[in-house]
Amino acid sequence: MSTTAASGARWRPASFDQWYNAGRIRALRLGRVMEWKQFSEERLAAEIEHVSRTSLYQERATALGQALASEDGASSACAAIEDLINTSVAARR
């Protein structure tokens, strides 16, 4: 997780999958999304100030960080890839 996501700060998606990522951050209550039309230096500064004074975002980011730290991501990824390959091979038979 990037430091921006971990901080709970609003961030502006730039392209492609960024809108999906923004939606996930919003859904997990890790931060908020600032729409392009709302973006300005002043607004960004206000959002950073808001996030720094709102414990919800830090609490959610800390909880997610702890959950991720307790997982074996490499093994989980390998298992998911193996399952996908096995499913794909079985479907071809």
PDB file of N, CA and C in Angstrom:
ATOM      1  N   MET A   1       0.853  -1.166   0.000  1.00  0.00           N
ATOM      2  CA  MET A   1       0.000   0.000   0.000  1.00  0.00           C
ATOM      3  C   MET A   1       0.898   1.228   0.000  1.00  0.00           C
ATOM      4  N   SER A   2       0.563   2.180  -0.814  1.00  0.00           N
ATOM      5  CA  SER A   2       1.356   3.405  -0.876  1.00  0.00           C
ATOM      6  C   SER A   2       1.165   4.230   0.387  1.00  0.00           C
ATOM      7  N   THR A   3       2.085   5.151   0.599  1.00  0.00           N
ATOM      8  CA  THR A   3       1.956   6.003   1.778  1.00  0.00           C
ATOM      9  C   THR A   3       0.742   6.904   1.683  1.00  0.00           C
ATOM     10  N   THR A   4       0.348   7.273   0.458  1.00  0.00           N
ATOM     11  CA  THR A   4      -0.860   8.089   0.292  1.00  0.00           C
ATOM     12  C   THR A   4      -2.081   7.316   0.762  1.00  0.00           C
ATOM     13  N   ALA A   5      -2.191   6.056   0.320  1.00  0.00           N
ATOM     14  CA  ALA A   5      -3.329   5.237   0.734  1.00  0.00           C
ATOM     15  C   ALA A   5      -3.292   4.990   2.236  1.00  0.00           C
ATOM     16  N   ALA A   6      -2.109   4.734   2.767  1.00  0.00           N
ATOM     17  CA  ALA A   6      -1.986   4.462   4.196  1.00  0.00           C
ATOM     18  C   ALA A   6      -2.363   5.673   5.036  1.00  0.00           C
ATOM     19  N   SER A   7      -2.131   6.866   4.517  1.00  0.00           N
ATOM     20  CA  SER A   7      -2.439   8.075   5.282  1.00  0.00           C
ATOM     21  C   SER A   7      -3.929   8.369   5.330  1.00  0.00           C
ATOM     22  N   GLY A   8      -4.687   7.787   4.392  1.00  0.00           N
ATOM     23  CA  GLY A   8      -6.108   8.068   4.321  1.00  0.00           C
ATOM     24  C   GLY A   8      -6.423   9.335   3.554  1.00  0.00           C
ATOM     25  N   ALA A   9      -5.412   9.965   2.985  1.00  0.00           N
ATOM     26  CA  ALA A   9      -5.631  11.209   2.239  1.00  0.00           C
ATOM     27  C   ALA A   9      -6.438  10.951   0.977  1.00  0.00           C
ATOM     28  N   ARG A  10      -7.251  11.931   0.589  1.00  0.00           N
ATOM     29  CA  ARG A  10      -7.943  11.830  -0.697  1.00  0.00           C
ATOM     30  C   ARG A  10      -6.901  11.880  -1.791  1.00  0.00           C
ATOM     31  N   TRP A  11      -7.177  11.192  -2.859  1.00  0.00           N
ATOM     32  CA  TRP A  11      -6.267  11.240  -4.002  1.00  0.00           C
ATOM     33  C   TRP A  11      -7.074  11.197  -5.264  1.00  0.00           C
ATOM     34  N   ARG A  12      -6.506  11.699  -6.336  1.00  0.00           N
ATOM     35  CA  ARG A  12      -7.209  11.826  -7.603  1.00  0.00           C
ATOM     36  C   ARG A  12      -6.725  10.743  -8.561  1.00  0.00           C
ATOM     37  N   PRO A  13      -7.605   9.841  -8.987  1.00  0.00           N
ATOM     38  CA  PRO A  13      -7.207   8.816  -9.942  1.00  0.00           C
ATOM     39  C   PRO A  13      -6.714   9.442 -11.239  1.00  0.00           C
ATOM     40  N   ALA A  14      -5.703   8.831 -11.828  1.00  0.00           N
ATOM     41  CA  ALA A  14      -5.103   9.388 -13.038  1.00  0.00           C
ATOM     42  C   ALA A  14      -5.563   8.688 -14.309  1.00  0.00           C
ATOM     43  N   SER A  15      -5.671   7.374 -14.292  1.00  0.00           N
ATOM     44  CA  SER A  15      -6.065   6.683 -15.521  1.00  0.00           C
ATOM     45  C   SER A  15      -6.419   5.225 -15.244  1.00  0.00           C
ATOM     46  N   PHE A  16      -7.047   4.609 -16.227  1.00  0.00           N
ATOM     47  CA  PHE A  16      -7.352   3.184 -16.292  1.00  0.00           C
ATOM     48  C   PHE A  16      -7.847   2.612 -14.971  1.00  0.00           C
ATOM     49  N   ASP A  17      -7.050   1.763 -14.315  1.00  0.00           N
ATOM     50  CA  ASP A  17      -7.520   1.075 -13.116  1.00  0.00           C
ATOM     51  C   ASP A  17      -7.570   1.978 -11.885  1.00  0.00           C
ATOM     52  N   GLN A  18      -7.148   3.210 -12.017  1.00  0.00           N
ATOM     53  CA  GLN A  18      -7.138   4.089 -10.860  1.00  0.00           C
ATOM     54  C   GLN A  18      -8.547   4.363 -10.329  1.00  0.00           C
ATOM     55  N   TRP A  19      -9.546   4.372 -11.205  1.00  0.00           N
ATOM     56  CA  TRP A  19     -10.921   4.581 -10.736  1.00  0.00           C
ATOM     57  C   TRP A  19     -11.393   3.399  -9.906  1.00  0.00           C
ATOM     58  N   TYR A  20     -10.967   2.185 -10.296  1.00  0.00           N
ATOM     59  CA  TYR A  20     -11.290   1.001  -9.499  1.00  0.00           C
ATOM     60  C   TYR A  20     -10.618   1.119  -8.127  1.00  0.00           C
ATOM     61  N   ASN A  21      -9.326   1.457  -8.138  1.00  0.00           N
ATOM     62  CA  ASN A  21      -8.587   1.591  -6.884  1.00  0.00           C
ATOM     63  C   ASN A  21      -9.211   2.658  -5.989  1.00  0.00           C
ATOM     64  N   ALA A  22      -9.625   3.758  -6.578  1.00  0.00           N
ATOM     65  CA  ALA A  22     -10.274   4.817  -5.800  1.00  0.00           C
ATOM     66  C   ALA A  22     -11.560   4.304  -5.159  1.00  0.00           C
ATOM     67  N   GLY A  23     -12.323   3.536  -5.910  1.00  0.00           N
ATOM     68  CA  GLY A  23     -13.550   2.959  -5.371  1.00  0.00           C
ATOM     69  C   GLY A  23     -13.285   2.025  -4.212  1.00  0.00           C
ATOM     70  N   ARG A  24     -12.222   1.248  -4.318  1.00  0.00           N
ATOM     71  CA  ARG A  24     -11.867   0.331  -3.228  1.00  0.00           C
ATOM     72  C   ARG A  24     -11.454   1.111  -1.979  1.00  0.00           C
ATOM     73  N   ILE A  25     -10.661   2.150  -2.177  1.00  0.00           N
ATOM     74  CA  ILE A  25     -10.243   2.973  -1.039  1.00  0.00           C
ATOM     75  C   ILE A  25     -11.459   3.589  -0.359  1.00  0.00           C
ATOM     76  N   ARG A  26     -12.391   4.069  -1.153  1.00  0.00           N
ATOM     77  CA  ARG A  26     -13.624   4.649  -0.597  1.00  0.00           C
ATOM     78  C   ARG A  26     -14.423   3.570   0.137  1.00  0.00           C
ATOM     79  N   ALA A  27     -14.603   2.404  -0.503  1.00  0.00           N
ATOM     80  CA  ALA A  27     -15.408   1.328   0.090  1.00  0.00           C
ATOM     81  C   ALA A  27     -14.799   0.808   1.391  1.00  0.00           C
ATOM     82  N   LEU A  28     -13.484   0.759   1.461  1.00  0.00           N
ATOM     83  CA  LEU A  28     -12.803   0.277   2.663  1.00  0.00           C
ATOM     84  C   LEU A  28     -12.647   1.371   3.723  1.00  0.00           C
ATOM     85  N   ARG A  29     -13.155   2.551   3.419  1.00  0.00           N
ATOM     86  CA  ARG A  29     -13.064   3.707   4.315  1.00  0.00           C
ATOM     87  C   ARG A  29     -11.618   4.021   4.693  1.00  0.00           C
ATOM     88  N   LEU A  30     -10.756   3.942   3.678  1.00  0.00           N
ATOM     89  CA  LEU A  30      -9.355   4.298   3.862  1.00  0.00           C
ATOM     90  C   LEU A  30      -9.074   5.730   3.422  1.00  0.00           C
ATOM     91  N   GLY A  31      -9.993   6.313   2.702  1.00  0.00           N
ATOM     92  CA  GLY A  31      -9.827   7.673   2.217  1.00  0.00           C
ATOM     93  C   GLY A  31     -11.034   8.067   1.390  1.00  0.00           C
ATOM     94  N   ARG A  32     -10.955   9.228   0.806  1.00  0.00           N
ATOM     95  CA  ARG A  32     -12.033   9.716  -0.042  1.00  0.00           C
ATOM     96  C   ARG A  32     -11.447  10.082  -1.400  1.00  0.00           C
ATOM     97  N   VAL A  33     -12.302  10.171  -2.374  1.00  0.00           N
ATOM     98  CA  VAL A  33     -11.864  10.482  -3.734  1.00  0.00           C
ATOM     99  C   VAL A  33     -12.225  11.922  -4.057  1.00  0.00           C
ATOM    100  N   MET A  34     -11.271  12.638  -4.566  1.00  0.00           N
ATOM    101  CA  MET A  34     -11.517  14.006  -4.995  1.00  0.00           C
ATOM    102  C   MET A  34     -11.695  13.988  -6.508  1.00  0.00           C
ATOM    103  N   GLU A  35     -12.861  14.369  -6.951  1.00  0.00           N
ATOM    104  CA  GLU A  35     -13.134  14.401  -8.385  1.00  0.00           C
ATOM    105  C   GLU A  35     -12.290  15.480  -9.056  1.00  0.00           C
ATOM    106  N   TRP A  36     -11.985  15.251 -10.327  1.00  0.00           N
ATOM    107  CA  TRP A  36     -11.130  16.156 -11.079  1.00  0.00           C
ATOM    108  C   TRP A  36     -11.613  17.607 -10.994  1.00  0.00           C
ATOM    109  N   LYS A  37     -12.913  17.808 -11.119  1.00  0.00           N
ATOM    110  CA  LYS A  37     -13.463  19.167 -11.110  1.00  0.00           C
ATOM    111  C   LYS A  37     -13.298  19.853  -9.758  1.00  0.00           C
ATOM    112  N   GLN A  38     -13.089  19.079  -8.710  1.00  0.00           N
ATOM    113  CA  GLN A  38     -12.928  19.635  -7.367  1.00  0.00           C
ATOM    114  C   GLN A  38     -11.468  19.918  -7.029  1.00  0.00           C
ATOM    115  N   PHE A  39     -10.564  19.425  -7.850  1.00  0.00           N
ATOM    116  CA  PHE A  39      -9.150  19.467  -7.493  1.00  0.00           C
ATOM    117  C   PHE A  39      -8.550  20.865  -7.632  1.00  0.00           C
ATOM    118  N   SER A  40      -7.878  21.302  -6.573  1.00  0.00           N
ATOM    119  CA  SER A  40      -7.094  22.536  -6.573  1.00  0.00           C
ATOM    120  C   SER A  40      -6.087  22.415  -5.432  1.00  0.00           C
ATOM    121  N   GLU A  41      -5.074  23.252  -5.453  1.00  0.00           N
ATOM    122  CA  GLU A  41      -4.095  23.226  -4.367  1.00  0.00           C
ATOM    123  C   GLU A  41      -4.768  23.516  -3.028  1.00  0.00           C
ATOM    124  N   GLU A  42      -5.670  24.469  -3.032  1.00  0.00           N
ATOM    125  CA  GLU A  42      -6.354  24.844  -1.793  1.00  0.00           C
ATOM    126  C   GLU A  42      -7.215  23.698  -1.274  1.00  0.00           C
ATOM    127  N   ARG A  43      -7.935  23.060  -2.183  1.00  0.00           N
ATOM    128  CA  ARG A  43      -8.795  21.940  -1.786  1.00  0.00           C
ATOM    129  C   ARG A  43      -7.958  20.782  -1.271  1.00  0.00           C
ATOM    130  N   LEU A  44      -6.852  20.499  -1.953  1.00  0.00           N
ATOM    131  CA  LEU A  44      -5.964  19.430  -1.504  1.00  0.00           C
ATOM    132  C   LEU A  44      -5.429  19.728  -0.107  1.00  0.00           C
ATOM    133  N   ALA A  45      -5.009  20.956   0.124  1.00  0.00           N
ATOM    134  CA  ALA A  45      -4.514  21.341   1.448  1.00  0.00           C
ATOM    135  C   ALA A  45      -5.596  21.160   2.509  1.00  0.00           C
ATOM    136  N   ALA A  46      -6.820  21.540   2.182  1.00  0.00           N
ATOM    137  CA  ALA A  46      -7.934  21.380   3.123  1.00  0.00           C
ATOM    138  C   ALA A  46      -8.200  19.908   3.413  1.00  0.00           C
ATOM    139  N   GLU A  47      -8.111  19.073   2.389  1.00  0.00           N
ATOM    140  CA  GLU A  47      -8.340  17.637   2.579  1.00  0.00           C
ATOM    141  C   GLU A  47      -7.241  17.013   3.433  1.00  0.00           C
ATOM    142  N   ILE A  48      -6.003  17.413   3.196  1.00  0.00           N
ATOM    143  CA  ILE A  48      -4.901  16.900   4.017  1.00  0.00           C
ATOM    144  C   ILE A  48      -5.119  17.297   5.472  1.00  0.00           C
ATOM    145  N   GLU A  49      -5.525  18.523   5.696  1.00  0.00           N
ATOM    146  CA  GLU A  49      -5.822  18.991   7.053  1.00  0.00           C
ATOM    147  C   GLU A  49      -6.956  18.167   7.666  1.00  0.00           C
ATOM    148  N   HIS A  50      -8.012  17.927   6.900  1.00  0.00           N
ATOM    149  CA  HIS A  50      -9.151  17.140   7.389  1.00  0.00           C
ATOM    150  C   HIS A  50      -8.712  15.728   7.776  1.00  0.00           C
ATOM    151  N   VAL A  51      -7.965  15.094   6.896  1.00  0.00           N
ATOM    152  CA  VAL A  51      -7.527  13.719   7.154  1.00  0.00           C
ATOM    153  C   VAL A  51      -6.614  13.662   8.376  1.00  0.00           C
ATOM    154  N   SER A  52      -5.762  14.655   8.522  1.00  0.00           N
ATOM    155  CA  SER A  52      -4.843  14.647   9.667  1.00  0.00           C
ATOM    156  C   SER A  52      -5.579  14.812  10.994  1.00  0.00           C
ATOM    157  N   ARG A  53      -6.804  15.326  10.955  1.00  0.00           N
ATOM    158  CA  ARG A  53      -7.590  15.529  12.177  1.00  0.00           C
ATOM    159  C   ARG A  53      -8.704  14.495  12.358  1.00  0.00           C
ATOM    160  N   THR A  54      -8.828  13.558  11.431  1.00  0.00           N
ATOM    161  CA  THR A  54      -9.892  12.553  11.486  1.00  0.00           C
ATOM    162  C   THR A  54      -9.274  11.178  11.713  1.00  0.00           C
ATOM    163  N   SER A  55      -9.518  10.616  12.876  1.00  0.00           N
ATOM    164  CA  SER A  55      -8.863   9.360  13.242  1.00  0.00           C
ATOM    165  C   SER A  55      -9.378   8.155  12.461  1.00  0.00           C
ATOM    166  N   LEU A  56     -10.577   8.235  11.898  1.00  0.00           N
ATOM    167  CA  LEU A  56     -11.142   7.092  11.178  1.00  0.00           C
ATOM    168  C   LEU A  56     -10.184   6.571  10.114  1.00  0.00           C
ATOM    169  N   TYR A  57      -9.602   7.459   9.330  1.00  0.00           N
ATOM    170  CA  TYR A  57      -8.739   7.027   8.230  1.00  0.00           C
ATOM    171  C   TYR A  57      -7.468   6.356   8.739  1.00  0.00           C
ATOM    172  N   GLN A  58      -6.865   6.914   9.765  1.00  0.00           N
ATOM    173  CA  GLN A  58      -5.665   6.297  10.321  1.00  0.00           C
ATOM    174  C   GLN A  58      -5.983   4.944  10.949  1.00  0.00           C
ATOM    175  N   GLU A  59      -7.115   4.855  11.637  1.00  0.00           N
ATOM    176  CA  GLU A  59      -7.509   3.588  12.263  1.00  0.00           C
ATOM    177  C   GLU A  59      -7.749   2.510  11.214  1.00  0.00           C
ATOM    178  N   ARG A  60      -8.456   2.863  10.145  1.00  0.00           N
ATOM    179  CA  ARG A  60      -8.739   1.891   9.079  1.00  0.00           C
ATOM    180  C   ARG A  60      -7.453   1.461   8.374  1.00  0.00           C
ATOM    181  N   ALA A  61      -6.569   2.413   8.099  1.00  0.00           N
ATOM    182  CA  ALA A  61      -5.305   2.087   7.434  1.00  0.00           C
ATOM    183  C   ALA A  61      -4.433   1.208   8.325  1.00  0.00           C
ATOM    184  N   THR A  62      -4.410   1.494   9.614  1.00  0.00           N
ATOM    185  CA  THR A  62      -3.640   0.675  10.549  1.00  0.00           C
ATOM    186  C   THR A  62      -4.188  -0.743  10.596  1.00  0.00           C
ATOM    187  N   ALA A  63      -5.504  -0.874  10.669  1.00  0.00           N
ATOM    188  CA  ALA A  63      -6.124  -2.207  10.706  1.00  0.00           C
ATOM    189  C   ALA A  63      -5.826  -2.985   9.427  1.00  0.00           C
ATOM    190  N   LEU A  64      -5.932  -2.328   8.278  1.00  0.00           N
ATOM    191  CA  LEU A  64      -5.632  -3.004   7.021  1.00  0.00           C
ATOM    192  C   LEU A  64      -4.159  -3.383   6.956  1.00  0.00           C
ATOM    193  N   GLY A  65      -3.285  -2.500   7.390  1.00  0.00           N
ATOM    194  CA  GLY A  65      -1.851  -2.799   7.402  1.00  0.00           C
ATOM    195  C   GLY A  65      -1.537  -4.010   8.261  1.00  0.00           C
ATOM    196  N   GLN A  66      -2.174  -4.117   9.414  1.00  0.00           N
ATOM    197  CA  GLN A  66      -1.963  -5.269  10.289  1.00  0.00           C
ATOM    198  C   GLN A  66      -2.474  -6.550   9.640  1.00  0.00           C
ATOM    199  N   ALA A  67      -3.629  -6.467   8.987  1.00  0.00           N
ATOM    200  CA  ALA A  67      -4.180  -7.646   8.307  1.00  0.00           C
ATOM    201  C   ALA A  67      -3.258  -8.090   7.175  1.00  0.00           C
ATOM    202  N   LEU A  68      -2.757  -7.142   6.405  1.00  0.00           N
ATOM    203  CA  LEU A  68      -1.858  -7.487   5.301  1.00  0.00           C
ATOM    204  C   LEU A  68      -0.538  -8.051   5.812  1.00  0.00           C
ATOM    205  N   ALA A  69      -0.036  -7.518   6.916  1.00  0.00           N
ATOM    206  CA  ALA A  69       1.223  -7.993   7.476  1.00  0.00           C
ATOM    207  C   ALA A  69       1.115  -9.428   7.970  1.00  0.00           C
ATOM    208  N   SER A  70      -0.080  -9.842   8.376  1.00  0.00           N
ATOM    209  CA  SER A  70      -0.258 -11.196   8.899  1.00  0.00           C
ATOM    210  C   SER A  70      -0.490 -12.227   7.798  1.00  0.00           C
ATOM    211  N   GLU A  71      -0.643 -11.769   6.564  1.00  0.00           N
ATOM    212  CA  GLU A  71      -0.873 -12.686   5.449  1.00  0.00           C
ATOM    213  C   GLU A  71       0.439 -13.082   4.789  1.00  0.00           C
ATOM    214  N   ASP A  72       0.426 -14.248   4.158  1.00  0.00           N
ATOM    215  CA  ASP A  72       1.552 -14.681   3.330  1.00  0.00           C
ATOM    216  C   ASP A  72       1.143 -14.425   1.888  1.00  0.00           C
ATOM    217  N   GLY A  73       1.337 -13.209   1.439  1.00  0.00           N
ATOM    218  CA  GLY A  73       0.872 -12.782   0.125  1.00  0.00           C
ATOM    219  C   GLY A  73       1.443 -13.584  -1.021  1.00  0.00           C
ATOM    220  N   ALA A  74       2.732 -13.929  -0.949  1.00  0.00           N
ATOM    221  CA  ALA A  74       3.357 -14.685  -2.037  1.00  0.00           C
ATOM    222  C   ALA A  74       2.716 -16.066  -2.172  1.00  0.00           C
ATOM    223  N   SER A  75       2.508 -16.744  -1.061  1.00  0.00           N
ATOM    224  CA  SER A  75       1.883 -18.072  -1.119  1.00  0.00           C
ATOM    225  C   SER A  75       0.443 -17.985  -1.607  1.00  0.00           C
ATOM    226  N   SER A  76      -0.283 -16.980  -1.155  1.00  0.00           N
ATOM    227  CA  SER A  76      -1.663 -16.804  -1.610  1.00  0.00           C
ATOM    228  C   SER A  76      -1.719 -16.527  -3.103  1.00  0.00           C
ATOM    229  N   ALA A  77      -0.804 -15.697  -3.593  1.00  0.00           N
ATOM    230  CA  ALA A  77      -0.765 -15.394  -5.027  1.00  0.00           C
ATOM    231  C   ALA A  77      -0.427 -16.639  -5.832  1.00  0.00           C
ATOM    232  N   CYS A  78       0.548 -17.410  -5.372  1.00  0.00           N
ATOM    233  CA  CYS A  78       0.918 -18.648  -6.073  1.00  0.00           C
ATOM    234  C   CYS A  78      -0.248 -19.631  -6.100  1.00  0.00           C
ATOM    235  N   ALA A  79      -0.941 -19.768  -4.999  1.00  0.00           N
ATOM    236  CA  ALA A  79      -2.090 -20.678  -4.943  1.00  0.00           C
ATOM    237  C   ALA A  79      -3.183 -20.223  -5.904  1.00  0.00           C
ATOM    238  N   ALA A  80      -3.433 -18.926  -5.975  1.00  0.00           N
ATOM    239  CA  ALA A  80      -4.452 -18.407  -6.892  1.00  0.00           C
ATOM    240  C   ALA A  80      -4.060 -18.653  -8.343  1.00  0.00           C
ATOM    241  N   ILE A  81      -2.788 -18.466  -8.663  1.00  0.00           N
ATOM    242  CA  ILE A  81      -2.308 -18.714 -10.029  1.00  0.00           C
ATOM    243  C   ILE A  81      -2.412 -20.193 -10.369  1.00  0.00           C
ATOM    244  N   GLU A  82      -2.013 -21.055  -9.444  1.00  0.00           N
ATOM    245  CA  GLU A  82      -2.123 -22.500  -9.676  1.00  0.00           C
ATOM    246  C   GLU A  82      -3.575 -22.912  -9.882  1.00  0.00           C
ATOM    247  N   ASP A  83      -4.486 -22.386  -9.078  1.00  0.00           N
ATOM    248  CA  ASP A  83      -5.910 -22.695  -9.242  1.00  0.00           C
ATOM    249  C   ASP A  83      -6.410 -22.260 -10.612  1.00  0.00           C
ATOM    250  N   LEU A  84      -6.000 -21.089 -11.043  1.00  0.00           N
ATOM    251  CA  LEU A  84      -6.406 -20.587 -12.351  1.00  0.00           C
ATOM    252  C   LEU A  84      -5.878 -21.481 -13.468  1.00  0.00           C
ATOM    253  N   ILE A  85      -4.620 -21.876 -13.364  1.00  0.00           N
ATOM    254  CA  ILE A  85      -4.029 -22.764 -14.377  1.00  0.00           C
ATOM    255  C   ILE A  85      -4.740 -24.105 -14.379  1.00  0.00           C
ATOM    256  N   ASN A  86      -4.949 -24.679 -13.206  1.00  0.00           N
ATOM    257  CA  ASN A  86      -5.615 -25.981 -13.126  1.00  0.00           C
ATOM    258  C   ASN A  86      -7.037 -25.920 -13.671  1.00  0.00           C
ATOM    259  N   THR A  87      -7.754 -24.855 -13.362  1.00  0.00           N
ATOM    260  CA  THR A  87      -9.113 -24.684 -13.878  1.00  0.00           C
ATOM    261  C   THR A  87      -9.096 -24.550 -15.392  1.00  0.00           C
ATOM    262  N   SER A  88      -8.147 -23.796 -15.893  1.00  0.00           N
ATOM    263  CA  SER A  88      -8.031 -23.582 -17.337  1.00  0.00           C
ATOM    264  C   SER A  88      -7.683 -24.879 -18.058  1.00  0.00           C
ATOM    265  N   VAL A  89      -6.759 -25.650 -17.500  1.00  0.00           N
ATOM    266  CA  VAL A  89      -6.363 -26.932 -18.103  1.00  0.00           C
ATOM    267  C   VAL A  89      -7.528 -27.910 -18.059  1.00  0.00           C
ATOM    268  N   ALA A  90      -8.235 -27.970 -16.932  1.00  0.00           N
ATOM    269  CA  ALA A  90      -9.372 -28.883 -16.806  1.00  0.00           C
ATOM    270  C   ALA A  90     -10.474 -28.525 -17.798  1.00  0.00           C
ATOM    271  N   ALA A  91     -10.667 -27.252 -18.063  1.00  0.00           N
ATOM    272  CA  ALA A  91     -11.711 -26.820 -18.997  1.00  0.00           C
ATOM    273  C   ALA A  91     -11.386 -27.218 -20.431  1.00  0.00           C
ATOM    274  N   ARG A  92     -10.125 -27.374 -20.737  1.00  0.00           N
ATOM    275  CA  ARG A  92      -9.713 -27.751 -22.099  1.00  0.00           C
ATOM    276  C   ARG A  92      -9.845 -29.239 -22.362  1.00  0.00           C
ATOM    277  N   ARG A  93      -9.989 -30.035 -21.335  1.00  0.00           N
ATOM    278  CA  ARG A  93     -10.046 -31.495 -21.516  1.00  0.00           C
ATOM    279  C   ARG A  93     -11.401 -31.944 -21.915  1.00  0.00           C
TER     280      ARG A  93
END
